[in-house]
C-alpha cells in the first residue's frame, strides 16, 4: 500500500495543529488556508440566515464586484453582519 495525500477541510478559527503533528497515524506536512477571496451575497445569506436583499443593502459600501454582480471580502462582511440590528425606542412593558 502506497502513501497518499489527503485533504481535510476545517471551517472555523485556525486549527490548533502544527506541521509535523500526527493525526490518526498520519503526519501533517502542510497547512493551507483555502478560504475564498471574494464571496457572493447568496453565499453570505446561507451563512448568516439573512435575505440576499438585506445582505446587499448592508454591504453596499464594501461591494467589490459590479453593480449587478455583488462580491464581498468575507472578513469585512463578517465584521459588518455580526454587529446585529440596533434597537431603537423604549422597551416593551408586558
N, C-alpha and C. Protein backbone atom coordinates (compact mmCIF):
# COMPACT_ATOMS: atom_id res chain seq x y z
N UNK A 1 0.84 -1.17 0.00
CA UNK A 1 0.00 0.00 0.00
C UNK A 1 0.89 1.24 0.00
N UNK A 2 0.61 2.19 -0.89
CA UNK A 2 1.43 3.39 -1.03
C UNK A 2 0.97 4.51 -0.11
N UNK A 3 1.76 5.54 -0.08
CA UNK A 3 1.45 6.72 0.71
C UNK A 3 0.62 7.66 -0.15
N UNK A 4 -0.49 8.14 0.39
CA UNK A 4 -1.36 9.06 -0.35
C UNK A 4 -1.37 10.43 0.29
N UNK A 5 -1.86 11.40 -0.44
CA UNK A 5 -2.02 12.75 0.07
C UNK A 5 -3.51 13.00 0.20
N UNK A 6 -3.94 13.43 1.39
CA UNK A 6 -5.35 13.64 1.68
C UNK A 6 -5.57 15.06 2.15
N UNK A 7 -6.72 15.63 1.84
CA UNK A 7 -7.08 16.98 2.27
C UNK A 7 -8.19 16.88 3.30
N UNK A 8 -8.06 17.63 4.38
CA UNK A 8 -9.08 17.70 5.42
C UNK A 8 -9.59 19.13 5.46
N UNK A 9 -10.90 19.31 5.36
CA UNK A 9 -11.49 20.64 5.37
C UNK A 9 -12.01 20.95 6.77
N UNK A 10 -11.57 22.09 7.32
CA UNK A 10 -11.98 22.53 8.65
C UNK A 10 -12.51 23.94 8.52
N UNK A 11 -13.71 24.21 9.05
CA UNK A 11 -14.28 25.55 9.00
C UNK A 11 -14.33 26.09 10.41
N UNK A 12 -13.86 27.29 10.60
CA UNK A 12 -13.86 27.91 11.93
C UNK A 12 -12.58 28.67 12.15
N UNK A 13 -12.22 28.85 13.41
CA UNK A 13 -10.98 29.52 13.75
C UNK A 13 -9.81 28.67 13.28
N UNK A 14 -8.62 29.24 13.33
CA UNK A 14 -7.43 28.50 12.90
C UNK A 14 -7.26 27.26 13.77
N UNK A 15 -7.07 26.09 13.16
CA UNK A 15 -6.95 24.87 13.96
C UNK A 15 -5.66 24.86 14.77
N UNK A 16 -5.71 24.19 15.92
CA UNK A 16 -4.54 24.09 16.80
C UNK A 16 -3.67 22.92 16.36
N UNK A 17 -3.22 22.96 15.13
CA UNK A 17 -2.34 21.94 14.57
C UNK A 17 -1.04 22.59 14.16
N UNK A 18 -0.03 21.80 14.02
CA UNK A 18 1.23 22.30 13.50
C UNK A 18 1.84 21.25 12.59
N UNK A 19 2.71 21.71 11.72
CA UNK A 19 3.36 20.81 10.78
C UNK A 19 4.23 19.83 11.56
N UNK A 20 4.10 18.56 11.25
CA UNK A 20 4.85 17.52 11.94
C UNK A 20 4.02 16.76 12.95
N UNK A 21 2.82 17.27 13.29
CA UNK A 21 1.95 16.57 14.24
C UNK A 21 1.38 15.32 13.58
N UNK A 22 0.98 14.36 14.40
CA UNK A 22 0.38 13.14 13.88
C UNK A 22 -1.10 13.11 14.24
N UNK A 23 -1.92 12.81 13.23
CA UNK A 23 -3.37 12.71 13.42
C UNK A 23 -3.80 11.39 12.82
N UNK A 24 -4.33 10.52 13.64
CA UNK A 24 -4.83 9.23 13.16
C UNK A 24 -3.76 8.41 12.48
N UNK A 25 -2.54 8.50 12.93
CA UNK A 25 -1.46 7.73 12.34
C UNK A 25 -0.83 8.36 11.11
N UNK A 26 -1.29 9.56 10.73
CA UNK A 26 -0.73 10.25 9.57
C UNK A 26 -0.02 11.52 10.04
N UNK A 27 0.99 11.93 9.30
CA UNK A 27 1.79 13.09 9.66
C UNK A 27 1.33 14.31 8.86
N UNK A 28 1.16 15.47 9.54
CA UNK A 28 0.78 16.72 8.88
C UNK A 28 2.03 17.29 8.22
N UNK A 29 1.97 17.49 6.89
CA UNK A 29 3.14 18.02 6.19
C UNK A 29 2.92 19.44 5.69
N UNK A 30 1.67 19.90 5.58
CA UNK A 30 1.41 21.29 5.19
C UNK A 30 0.02 21.69 5.64
N UNK A 31 -0.15 22.98 5.87
CA UNK A 31 -1.45 23.55 6.23
C UNK A 31 -1.67 24.74 5.31
N UNK A 32 -2.79 24.74 4.58
CA UNK A 32 -3.09 25.82 3.64
C UNK A 32 -4.46 26.39 3.97
N UNK A 33 -4.58 27.70 3.87
CA UNK A 33 -5.87 28.36 4.02
C UNK A 33 -6.47 28.50 2.62
N UNK A 34 -7.58 27.81 2.37
CA UNK A 34 -8.20 27.84 1.05
C UNK A 34 -9.52 28.60 1.07
N UNK A 35 -9.64 29.58 1.97
CA UNK A 35 -10.84 30.40 2.03
C UNK A 35 -10.95 31.24 0.76
N UNK A 36 -12.17 31.45 0.26
CA UNK A 36 -12.32 32.25 -0.95
C UNK A 36 -11.98 33.72 -0.68
N UNK A 37 -11.40 34.39 -1.68
CA UNK A 37 -11.03 35.80 -1.54
C UNK A 37 -12.27 36.69 -1.55
N UNK A 38 -13.21 36.39 -2.44
CA UNK A 38 -14.46 37.14 -2.53
C UNK A 38 -15.63 36.15 -2.52
N UNK A 39 -16.71 36.52 -1.85
CA UNK A 39 -17.88 35.65 -1.78
C UNK A 39 -19.11 36.42 -2.26
N UNK A 40 -20.11 35.68 -2.72
CA UNK A 40 -21.32 36.29 -3.25
C UNK A 40 -22.32 36.56 -2.13
N UNK A 41 -23.34 37.33 -2.45
CA UNK A 41 -24.40 37.63 -1.49
C UNK A 41 -25.19 36.37 -1.15
N UNK A 42 -25.34 35.46 -2.11
CA UNK A 42 -26.06 34.21 -1.86
C UNK A 42 -25.30 33.34 -0.85
N UNK A 43 -23.98 33.30 -0.96
CA UNK A 43 -23.15 32.54 -0.01
C UNK A 43 -23.30 33.11 1.40
N UNK A 44 -23.27 34.45 1.51
CA UNK A 44 -23.40 35.09 2.83
C UNK A 44 -24.80 34.92 3.40
N UNK A 45 -25.82 34.87 2.54
CA UNK A 45 -27.18 34.68 3.03
C UNK A 45 -27.36 33.31 3.66
N UNK A 46 -26.65 32.30 3.14
CA UNK A 46 -26.70 30.97 3.74
C UNK A 46 -25.95 30.94 5.07
N UNK A 47 -24.82 31.66 5.13
CA UNK A 47 -24.00 31.68 6.34
C UNK A 47 -24.70 32.39 7.50
N UNK A 48 -25.35 33.53 7.22
CA UNK A 48 -25.92 34.37 8.27
C UNK A 48 -27.43 34.28 8.37
N UNK A 49 -28.06 33.46 7.54
CA UNK A 49 -29.51 33.27 7.56
C UNK A 49 -30.25 34.60 7.39
N UNK A 50 -29.80 35.39 6.44
CA UNK A 50 -30.43 36.66 6.10
C UNK A 50 -30.83 36.64 4.63
N UNK A 51 -31.75 37.52 4.25
CA UNK A 51 -32.18 37.62 2.87
C UNK A 51 -31.08 38.25 2.02
N UNK A 52 -31.02 37.88 0.75
CA UNK A 52 -29.99 38.39 -0.15
C UNK A 52 -30.10 39.90 -0.30
N UNK A 53 -31.33 40.43 -0.35
CA UNK A 53 -31.51 41.88 -0.47
C UNK A 53 -31.00 42.60 0.77
N UNK A 54 -31.18 42.01 1.94
CA UNK A 54 -30.67 42.59 3.18
C UNK A 54 -29.15 42.62 3.17
N UNK A 55 -28.54 41.53 2.72
CA UNK A 55 -27.08 41.46 2.63
C UNK A 55 -26.57 42.55 1.69
N UNK A 56 -27.19 42.69 0.53
CA UNK A 56 -26.74 43.67 -0.46
C UNK A 56 -26.87 45.10 0.07
N UNK A 57 -27.95 45.39 0.79
CA UNK A 57 -28.14 46.75 1.30
C UNK A 57 -27.17 47.06 2.44
N UNK A 58 -26.90 46.11 3.31
CA UNK A 58 -25.98 46.35 4.43
C UNK A 58 -24.53 46.44 3.97
N UNK A 59 -24.18 45.68 2.93
CA UNK A 59 -22.79 45.62 2.49
C UNK A 59 -22.52 46.46 1.24
N UNK A 60 -23.40 47.38 0.93
CA UNK A 60 -23.22 48.23 -0.25
C UNK A 60 -21.89 48.98 -0.25
N UNK A 61 -21.41 49.52 0.87
CA UNK A 61 -20.13 50.25 0.84
C UNK A 61 -18.90 49.39 0.54
N UNK A 62 -18.96 48.08 0.77
CA UNK A 62 -17.78 47.24 0.56
C UNK A 62 -17.92 46.31 -0.65
N UNK A 63 -18.83 46.63 -1.57
CA UNK A 63 -19.04 45.80 -2.75
C UNK A 63 -17.80 45.86 -3.64
N UNK A 64 -17.20 44.71 -3.93
CA UNK A 64 -16.01 44.63 -4.78
C UNK A 64 -16.35 44.26 -6.22
N UNK A 65 -17.58 43.84 -6.47
CA UNK A 65 -17.99 43.44 -7.81
C UNK A 65 -18.65 44.59 -8.54
N UNK A 66 -19.29 44.27 -9.66
CA UNK A 66 -20.03 45.27 -10.42
C UNK A 66 -21.37 45.50 -9.74
N UNK A 67 -22.14 46.51 -10.18
CA UNK A 67 -23.46 46.72 -9.57
C UNK A 67 -24.41 45.53 -9.71
N UNK A 68 -24.20 44.69 -10.74
CA UNK A 68 -25.06 43.52 -10.92
C UNK A 68 -24.48 42.26 -10.29
N UNK A 69 -23.17 42.22 -10.11
CA UNK A 69 -22.53 41.04 -9.54
C UNK A 69 -21.92 41.45 -8.19
N UNK A 70 -22.63 41.19 -7.12
CA UNK A 70 -22.22 41.64 -5.80
C UNK A 70 -21.25 40.65 -5.19
N UNK A 71 -20.00 41.08 -4.98
CA UNK A 71 -18.96 40.25 -4.37
C UNK A 71 -18.36 41.00 -3.19
N UNK A 72 -18.08 40.26 -2.11
CA UNK A 72 -17.61 40.89 -0.88
C UNK A 72 -16.44 40.13 -0.29
N UNK A 73 -15.57 40.86 0.41
CA UNK A 73 -14.49 40.24 1.18
C UNK A 73 -15.13 39.59 2.41
N UNK A 74 -14.90 38.29 2.66
CA UNK A 74 -15.59 37.62 3.77
C UNK A 74 -15.27 38.19 5.15
N UNK A 75 -14.02 38.67 5.37
CA UNK A 75 -13.68 39.21 6.69
C UNK A 75 -14.39 40.53 6.95
N UNK A 76 -14.43 41.41 5.94
CA UNK A 76 -15.13 42.69 6.09
C UNK A 76 -16.63 42.47 6.26
N UNK A 77 -17.18 41.54 5.50
CA UNK A 77 -18.61 41.24 5.59
C UNK A 77 -18.96 40.68 6.97
N UNK A 78 -18.09 39.85 7.53
CA UNK A 78 -18.34 39.27 8.85
C UNK A 78 -18.38 40.36 9.91
N UNK A 79 -17.49 41.35 9.81
CA UNK A 79 -17.48 42.45 10.78
C UNK A 79 -18.78 43.24 10.74
N UNK A 80 -19.28 43.50 9.55
CA UNK A 80 -20.50 44.31 9.42
C UNK A 80 -21.74 43.51 9.80
N UNK A 81 -21.84 42.27 9.32
CA UNK A 81 -23.05 41.48 9.55
C UNK A 81 -23.16 40.96 10.98
N UNK A 82 -22.06 40.86 11.71
CA UNK A 82 -22.13 40.35 13.07
C UNK A 82 -22.49 41.44 14.08
N UNK A 83 -22.56 42.70 13.64
CA UNK A 83 -22.93 43.77 14.55
C UNK A 83 -24.36 43.63 15.04
N UNK A 84 -25.23 43.12 14.22
CA UNK A 84 -26.63 42.97 14.61
C UNK A 84 -27.41 44.24 14.36
N UNK A 85 -28.66 44.21 14.71
CA UNK A 85 -29.55 45.33 14.47
C UNK A 85 -29.61 46.20 15.72
N UNK A 86 -29.55 47.52 15.52
CA UNK A 86 -29.64 48.45 16.64
C UNK A 86 -31.11 48.60 17.03
N UNK A 87 -31.37 48.44 18.30
CA UNK A 87 -32.74 48.61 18.80
C UNK A 87 -32.97 50.08 19.11
N UNK A 88 -34.13 50.60 18.70
CA UNK A 88 -34.45 51.99 18.99
C UNK A 88 -35.77 52.04 19.76
N UNK A 89 -35.97 53.10 20.46
CA UNK A 89 -37.20 53.25 21.23
C UNK A 89 -37.10 52.59 22.60
N UNK A 90 -38.13 52.76 23.38
CA UNK A 90 -38.11 52.19 24.72
C UNK A 90 -38.55 50.74 24.69
N UNK A 91 -38.23 50.02 25.76
CA UNK A 91 -38.58 48.61 25.86
C UNK A 91 -40.08 48.45 26.05
N UNK A 92 -40.57 47.31 25.62
CA UNK A 92 -41.98 46.99 25.79
C UNK A 92 -42.31 46.69 27.23
N UNK A 93 -43.47 47.09 27.67
CA UNK A 93 -43.94 46.75 29.01
C UNK A 93 -44.98 45.65 28.85
N UNK A 94 -44.72 44.52 29.45
CA UNK A 94 -45.66 43.40 29.33
C UNK A 94 -46.65 43.39 30.46
